[in-house]
C-alpha cells in the first residue's frame, strides 16, 4: 500500500450551523443598562425621596450589573442569568420604596429582568425570575402596607405579574422558535452545499469542489502531484453496453479507487469519464505507483489513461492542471492504457 506520511488535512468543511446568540454579552446588556440608568436618574426628580434607601438601591443595582458581567463559577454557573436578575429586582424594590411606594411607578422596571432573561436564558431561570419578581412586589404590600402600599393595589399587582409572565414566556417561545428555524435553515444550506459540491452519480467531489480544494492546497508548502485520468473508449462502452452499464462502471470504479487512497488524498469526477487525483506529500515516482494500482482496480476489462504532473512551488492551479492534461494527451496518443509523467 501507498504510505508516505501521516494523513494530511481533510477537505474543508462546508458552511456549518448557525448559532443563535443566547449567551449574555456586554453588547446585549447595553439597552437594559441604559433603561435602568435612566430610571435611577429620573425617579428623584420632583419626588420626595428617602435618600438612604435610594443609595442602597444604587449599590444593589451596581452589584447586579457586576454579577451580570463577571463570569460565574461553580454552582452559580447554572444560574448565570437568574442571579443578576434577582439582585436587580431587589434594587427595584428598594428604589420603589425610596420614592414613596406604589405611586412612584417604579414597579414597571421589573419587566426589564423578565424580558432580558426571556431573551438570553432558559425556561427554568425565567420562572425563577418571575417568582422573584412576585416575591419582591408582593412582599412590600404585605410587610410595609399602607399608605405607601395600599391593599387596593393587590389586584393591580396581580395583573402586572400575570402580564409580565405572559410577556416573558411568549418572548422566550418566539426566541426558541427562531433558533429552531435557523437551525433547520442551516441544515438545509449545509445539505444544499454538499449536493452542489458532490457528483450525484459517483458520490465523489465534483469539479467545483476539486477546483476549490486544489487552490487551497497549493497555498501550502508541500509536495503534491495531480493526475488526470480518462476511461479508455468510454463512449463506445456506453454505445455497446448501454448507459446504465456505463453509470455502473463509473460508480464501481469510484468506489474501488477510494479504497486505495489515504484519508487526505482526493479523487474527483470532473465530468463524463474524466477524473482527477490529488496526492499530497507525494512525488511523481510514488504517484506513478498509486496510479498504476488504481488502473488495476477498474472493473471488468475496461482500461484507462493517465497523466501525472508534480507541483512546482509558485505555479498556479491552472498550470498544474494543464501539465497533467498534456501528460494525459500523451498517454492517449501513445495508444492508451498507460500512464505518462511530465518531465
Protein backbone atom coordinates (compact mmCIF):
# COMPACT_ATOMS: atom_id res chain seq x y z
CA UNK A 1 0.00 0.00 0.00
CA UNK A 2 0.99 3.60 -0.60
CA UNK A 3 2.41 5.07 2.63
CA UNK A 4 4.32 8.34 2.65
CA UNK A 5 3.32 10.49 5.61
CA UNK A 6 0.60 10.91 8.26
CA UNK A 7 -2.81 11.75 6.79
CA UNK A 8 -2.92 15.42 5.83
CA UNK A 9 -5.73 17.83 6.34
CA UNK A 10 -9.20 16.77 5.27
CA UNK A 11 -11.37 18.64 2.82
CA UNK A 12 -12.61 21.95 4.23
CA UNK A 13 -15.98 21.81 5.89
CA UNK A 14 -18.95 23.27 4.13
CA UNK A 15 -20.90 26.13 5.75
CA UNK A 16 -21.97 24.90 9.13
CA UNK A 17 -24.59 25.51 11.71
CA UNK A 18 -25.85 28.98 12.53
CA UNK A 19 -25.67 29.74 16.27
CA UNK A 20 -28.30 31.92 17.82
CA UNK A 21 -26.61 34.20 20.40
CA UNK A 22 -28.31 33.00 23.58
CA UNK A 23 -25.48 33.86 25.95
CA UNK A 24 -25.06 37.17 27.61
CA UNK A 25 -22.55 39.70 26.29
CA UNK A 26 -21.84 43.32 27.14
CA UNK A 27 -23.43 44.39 23.86
CA UNK A 28 -26.67 42.59 24.74
CA UNK A 29 -26.82 44.34 28.12
CA UNK A 30 -26.45 47.89 26.81
CA UNK A 31 -30.17 48.70 26.22
CA UNK A 32 -31.17 47.23 29.59
CA UNK A 33 -28.41 49.09 31.43
CA UNK A 34 -29.36 52.30 29.64
CA UNK A 35 -33.03 52.00 30.65
CA UNK A 36 -32.05 51.23 34.24
CA UNK A 37 -29.68 54.19 34.49
CA UNK A 38 -32.36 56.49 33.09
CA UNK A 39 -34.84 55.28 35.69
CA UNK A 40 -32.45 55.89 38.59
CA UNK A 41 -31.78 59.40 37.28
CA UNK A 42 -35.41 60.35 36.60
CA UNK A 43 -37.13 58.93 39.70
CA UNK A 44 -35.73 61.51 42.20
CA UNK A 45 -36.87 64.44 40.05
CA UNK A 46 -39.89 66.11 41.70
CA UNK A 47 -40.40 63.31 44.23
CA UNK A 48 -39.81 63.29 47.99
CA UNK A 49 -37.03 60.75 48.46
CA UNK A 50 -35.70 58.61 51.24
CA UNK A 51 -32.07 59.07 50.27
CA UNK A 52 -30.65 56.32 52.43
CA UNK A 53 -32.88 53.73 50.74
CA UNK A 54 -32.13 55.32 47.39
CA UNK A 55 -28.38 54.96 47.98
CA UNK A 56 -28.92 51.33 48.95
CA UNK A 57 -30.83 50.75 45.71
CA UNK A 58 -27.96 52.25 43.71
CA UNK A 59 -25.48 49.93 45.42
CA UNK A 60 -27.61 46.84 44.87
CA UNK A 61 -28.17 47.80 41.22
CA UNK A 62 -24.41 48.18 40.77
CA UNK A 63 -23.95 44.75 42.32
CA UNK A 64 -26.45 43.28 39.85
CA UNK A 65 -24.54 44.86 36.97
CA UNK A 66 -21.26 43.41 38.26
CA UNK A 67 -22.78 39.95 38.60
CA UNK A 68 -24.06 40.26 35.05
CA UNK A 69 -20.62 40.93 33.60
CA UNK A 70 -18.40 38.67 35.74
CA UNK A 71 -18.41 35.02 34.58
CA UNK A 72 -19.93 32.85 37.32
CA UNK A 73 -18.08 29.89 38.79
CA UNK A 74 -19.05 26.65 40.49
CA UNK A 75 -22.70 26.13 41.33
CA UNK A 76 -23.53 29.68 40.21
CA UNK A 77 -22.88 28.74 36.58
CA UNK A 78 -26.34 27.18 36.18
CA UNK A 79 -27.96 30.39 37.40
CA UNK A 80 -25.79 32.81 35.40
CA UNK A 81 -28.84 34.84 34.27
CA UNK A 82 -31.19 34.37 37.21
CA UNK A 83 -28.90 35.65 39.98
CA UNK A 84 -28.16 39.12 38.47
CA UNK A 85 -31.84 39.49 37.60
CA UNK A 86 -32.95 38.59 41.13
CA UNK A 87 -30.48 41.06 42.62
CA UNK A 88 -31.70 43.72 40.19
CA UNK A 89 -35.30 43.04 41.30
CA UNK A 90 -34.22 43.73 44.87
CA UNK A 91 -32.70 47.04 43.71
CA UNK A 92 -36.01 47.92 42.04
CA UNK A 93 -37.83 47.19 45.30
CA UNK A 94 -35.51 49.50 47.20
CA UNK A 95 -35.84 52.23 44.56
CA UNK A 96 -39.62 51.88 44.66
CA UNK A 97 -39.65 52.23 48.42
CA UNK A 98 -37.28 55.21 48.39
CA UNK A 99 -39.64 57.13 46.06
CA UNK A 100 -42.81 56.61 48.04
CA UNK A 101 -44.04 53.16 47.09
CA UNK A 102 -46.77 52.37 44.57
CA UNK A 103 -47.21 55.94 43.35
CA UNK A 104 -43.58 56.07 42.17
CA UNK A 105 -44.47 53.82 39.18
CA UNK A 106 -41.09 52.18 39.59
CA UNK A 107 -42.66 48.71 39.61
CA UNK A 108 -42.80 48.64 35.82
CA UNK A 109 -38.97 48.36 35.80
CA UNK A 110 -39.46 44.74 36.90
CA UNK A 111 -40.23 43.96 33.26
CA UNK A 112 -36.56 44.56 32.36
CA UNK A 113 -35.09 41.47 34.06
CA UNK A 114 -38.07 39.39 32.92
CA UNK A 115 -37.61 40.37 29.29
CA UNK A 116 -33.82 40.03 29.48
CA UNK A 117 -33.99 36.55 30.99
CA UNK A 118 -36.56 35.50 28.38
CA UNK A 119 -34.17 36.51 25.60
CA UNK A 120 -30.95 35.02 26.87
CA UNK A 121 -31.74 32.28 29.35
CA UNK A 122 -33.68 29.09 29.98
CA UNK A 123 -37.32 28.49 30.86
CA UNK A 124 -36.32 27.38 34.36
CA UNK A 125 -34.38 30.58 35.03
CA UNK A 126 -37.21 32.69 33.61
CA UNK A 127 -39.65 31.06 36.02
CA UNK A 128 -37.19 31.73 38.85
CA UNK A 129 -37.10 35.42 37.94
CA UNK A 130 -40.89 35.57 37.73
CA UNK A 131 -41.15 34.07 41.21
CA UNK A 132 -38.55 36.55 42.46
CA UNK A 133 -40.48 39.48 40.94
CA UNK A 134 -43.68 38.27 42.58
CA UNK A 135 -41.93 37.95 45.94
CA UNK A 136 -40.40 41.44 45.80
CA UNK A 137 -43.54 43.26 44.67
CA UNK A 138 -46.00 41.49 46.97
CA UNK A 139 -43.63 41.48 49.96
CA UNK A 140 -43.70 45.28 50.04
CA UNK A 141 -47.51 45.27 50.02
CA UNK A 142 -47.61 42.70 52.82
CA UNK A 143 -44.69 43.78 55.00
CA UNK A 144 -44.90 47.57 54.62
CA UNK A 145 -48.53 48.09 53.68
CA UNK A 146 -50.45 51.41 53.70
CA UNK A 147 -50.11 54.19 52.97
CA UNK A 148 -47.20 53.59 50.60
CA UNK A 149 -48.62 50.23 49.56
CA UNK A 150 -52.42 50.29 49.95
CA UNK A 151 -54.28 47.00 49.96
CA UNK A 152 -56.31 48.22 47.00
CA UNK A 153 -53.19 47.69 44.86
CA UNK A 154 -53.19 43.91 45.29
CA UNK A 155 -55.34 43.45 42.22
CA UNK A 156 -53.19 45.78 40.10
CA UNK A 157 -50.06 43.98 41.31
CA UNK A 158 -51.50 40.57 40.44
CA UNK A 159 -52.45 41.76 36.95
CA UNK A 160 -48.95 43.18 36.43
CA UNK A 161 -47.36 39.88 37.48
CA UNK A 162 -49.61 37.86 35.17
CA UNK A 163 -48.95 40.17 32.22
CA UNK A 164 -45.19 40.03 32.91
CA UNK A 165 -45.30 36.23 32.95
CA UNK A 166 -47.16 36.16 29.64
CA UNK A 167 -44.69 38.58 28.05
CA UNK A 168 -41.70 36.61 29.31
CA UNK A 169 -42.97 33.17 28.32
CA UNK A 170 -44.19 34.27 24.89
CA UNK A 171 -40.91 36.09 24.20
CA UNK A 172 -38.90 33.02 25.15
CA UNK A 173 -41.13 30.83 22.98
CA UNK A 174 -40.57 33.10 19.98
CA UNK A 175 -36.80 33.07 20.55
CA UNK A 176 -36.82 29.27 20.73
CA UNK A 177 -38.85 29.01 17.53
CA UNK A 178 -36.42 31.35 15.79
CA UNK A 179 -33.49 29.23 16.97
CA UNK A 180 -35.19 26.08 15.66
CA UNK A 181 -35.93 27.76 12.35
CA UNK A 182 -32.34 28.97 11.95
CA UNK A 183 -31.04 25.51 12.80
CA UNK A 184 -33.30 23.97 10.16
CA UNK A 185 -32.26 26.53 7.56
CA UNK A 186 -28.60 25.91 8.44
CA UNK A 187 -29.02 22.16 7.95
CA UNK A 188 -30.71 22.75 4.62
CA UNK A 189 -27.92 25.10 3.50
CA UNK A 190 -25.32 22.52 4.51
CA UNK A 191 -27.17 19.82 2.58
CA UNK A 192 -27.54 22.02 -0.49
CA UNK A 193 -23.86 22.99 -0.32
CA UNK A 194 -22.93 19.32 -0.11
CA UNK A 195 -25.08 18.50 -3.11
CA UNK A 196 -23.57 21.37 -5.06
CA UNK A 197 -20.06 20.03 -4.37
CA UNK A 198 -20.73 16.33 -4.93
CA UNK A 199 -21.09 14.31 -8.11
CA UNK A 200 -24.53 12.73 -7.91
CA UNK A 201 -23.59 9.53 -9.75
CA UNK A 202 -20.36 8.50 -8.03
CA UNK A 203 -20.53 10.41 -4.75
CA UNK A 204 -17.09 11.87 -5.46
CA UNK A 205 -16.33 15.60 -5.23
CA UNK A 206 -17.24 17.36 -8.46
CA UNK A 207 -15.33 19.95 -10.50
CA UNK A 208 -16.39 22.78 -8.22
CA UNK A 209 -15.11 21.02 -5.09
CA UNK A 210 -11.93 19.95 -6.90
CA UNK A 211 -11.05 23.47 -8.02
CA UNK A 212 -11.62 24.88 -4.52
CA UNK A 213 -9.60 22.17 -2.78
CA UNK A 214 -6.72 22.30 -5.26
CA UNK A 215 -6.45 26.07 -4.93
CA UNK A 216 -6.39 25.78 -1.15
CA UNK A 217 -3.74 23.04 -1.13
CA UNK A 218 -1.46 24.98 -3.45
CA UNK A 219 -1.21 27.71 -0.82
CA UNK A 220 0.65 25.24 1.41
CA UNK A 221 4.34 24.47 1.03
CA UNK A 222 4.02 20.72 0.42
CA UNK A 223 4.94 18.22 -2.24
CA UNK A 224 1.97 17.13 -4.30
CA UNK A 225 1.02 15.66 -7.63
CA UNK A 226 -2.05 15.98 -9.83
CA UNK A 227 -3.18 13.18 -12.12
CA UNK A 228 -5.74 13.42 -14.90
CA UNK A 229 -7.44 10.10 -15.70
CA UNK A 230 -9.77 9.17 -18.59
CA UNK A 231 -11.50 5.82 -19.07
CA UNK A 232 -10.50 4.48 -22.48
CA UNK A 233 -13.16 4.30 -25.19
CA UNK A 234 -15.91 5.07 -22.70
CA UNK A 235 -18.24 6.39 -25.40
CA UNK A 236 -18.02 3.08 -27.27
CA UNK A 237 -18.65 1.25 -23.98
CA UNK A 238 -21.83 3.28 -23.46
CA UNK A 239 -22.95 2.67 -27.04
CA UNK A 240 -22.48 -1.08 -26.88
CA UNK A 241 -23.30 -1.86 -23.24
CA UNK A 242 -25.86 0.88 -22.61
CA UNK A 243 -25.85 3.91 -20.36
CA UNK A 244 -26.95 2.01 -17.22
CA UNK A 245 -23.87 -0.20 -17.60
CA UNK A 246 -21.73 2.91 -18.13
CA UNK A 247 -23.12 4.50 -14.98
CA UNK A 248 -22.48 1.31 -13.03
CA UNK A 249 -18.88 1.23 -14.31
CA UNK A 250 -18.31 4.79 -13.11
CA UNK A 251 -19.78 4.10 -9.68
CA UNK A 252 -17.83 0.89 -9.16
CA UNK A 253 -14.60 2.49 -10.36
CA UNK A 254 -15.04 5.44 -7.99
CA UNK A 255 -15.73 3.11 -5.04
CA UNK A 256 -12.68 0.94 -5.84
CA UNK A 257 -10.37 3.93 -6.15
CA UNK A 258 -11.48 5.41 -2.85
CA UNK A 259 -10.45 2.19 -1.11
CA UNK A 260 -6.88 2.61 -2.38
CA UNK A 261 -6.34 6.19 -1.21
CA UNK A 262 -5.36 7.77 2.07
CA UNK A 263 -7.74 9.96 4.02
CA UNK A 264 -6.10 13.16 2.73
CA UNK A 265 -5.91 12.14 -0.93
CA UNK A 266 -8.62 13.40 -3.22
CA UNK A 267 -10.17 11.83 -6.27
CA UNK A 268 -12.87 13.80 -8.07
CA UNK A 269 -15.05 13.31 -11.11
CA UNK A 270 -14.64 16.34 -13.34
CA UNK A 271 -17.28 15.22 -15.83
CA UNK A 272 -18.14 12.29 -18.08
CA UNK A 273 -15.35 9.71 -17.83
CA UNK A 274 -12.75 12.27 -16.68
CA UNK A 275 -11.31 12.03 -13.17
CA UNK A 276 -8.65 13.96 -11.27
CA UNK A 277 -6.42 12.74 -8.45
CA UNK A 278 -4.54 14.87 -5.91
CA UNK A 279 -1.85 13.18 -3.82
CA UNK A 280 -0.25 15.23 -1.05
CA UNK A 281 3.31 14.72 0.20
CA UNK A 282 3.96 12.63 -2.87
CA UNK A 283 6.50 12.87 -5.71
CA UNK A 284 5.97 11.76 -9.30
CA UNK A 285 7.53 8.32 -8.79
CA UNK A 286 5.29 7.50 -5.86
CA UNK A 287 2.28 8.92 -7.68
CA UNK A 288 3.00 6.58 -10.61
CA UNK A 289 2.85 3.59 -8.25
CA UNK A 290 -0.52 4.75 -6.88
CA UNK A 291 -2.00 5.41 -10.32
CA UNK A 292 -0.90 2.03 -11.63
CA UNK A 293 -2.60 0.42 -8.68
CA UNK A 294 -5.78 2.36 -9.42
CA UNK A 295 -5.68 1.28 -13.05
CA UNK A 296 -5.76 -2.33 -11.91
CA UNK A 297 -8.93 -1.73 -9.87
CA UNK A 298 -11.20 -0.79 -12.79
CA UNK A 299 -13.98 -3.40 -13.05
CA UNK A 300 -14.11 -5.80 -15.98
CA UNK A 301 -11.73 -5.36 -18.86
CA UNK A 302 -12.05 -1.59 -19.01
CA UNK A 303 -8.78 0.39 -19.12
CA UNK A 304 -7.82 3.99 -18.56
CA UNK A 305 -5.14 6.51 -19.48
CA UNK A 306 -3.49 8.88 -17.01
CA UNK A 307 -1.18 11.85 -16.94
CA UNK A 308 0.83 12.88 -13.87
CA UNK A 309 2.24 16.31 -13.08
CA UNK A 310 4.27 17.23 -10.00
CA UNK A 311 3.60 20.61 -8.45
CA UNK A 312 6.28 23.26 -8.81
CA UNK A 313 6.14 25.78 -5.92
CA UNK A 314 4.67 29.06 -7.07
CA UNK A 315 2.81 27.68 -10.08
CA UNK A 316 -0.97 28.35 -10.23
CA UNK A 317 -3.61 25.60 -10.28
CA UNK A 318 -4.24 26.17 -13.99
CA UNK A 319 -0.61 25.44 -14.85
CA UNK A 320 -0.57 22.22 -12.81
CA UNK A 321 -3.81 21.03 -14.42
CA UNK A 322 -2.51 21.91 -17.89
CA UNK A 323 0.66 19.88 -17.30
CA UNK A 324 -1.33 16.87 -16.14
CA UNK A 325 -3.67 17.23 -19.10
CA UNK A 326 -0.68 17.35 -21.50
CA UNK A 327 0.65 14.14 -19.98
CA UNK A 328 -2.79 12.54 -20.35
CA UNK A 329 -2.93 13.55 -24.01
CA UNK A 330 0.48 11.97 -24.49
CA UNK A 331 -0.76 8.72 -22.94
CA UNK A 332 -3.70 8.68 -25.33
CA UNK A 333 -1.62 9.37 -28.43
CA UNK A 334 0.77 6.56 -27.49
CA UNK A 335 -2.05 4.04 -27.58
CA UNK A 336 -3.98 4.49 -24.30
CA UNK A 337 -4.00 2.04 -21.37
CA UNK A 338 -0.90 3.66 -19.89
CA UNK A 339 0.35 6.45 -17.63
CA UNK A 340 2.67 9.30 -18.67
CA UNK A 341 4.54 11.64 -16.35
CA UNK A 342 5.54 15.18 -17.23
CA UNK A 343 9.26 15.87 -17.11
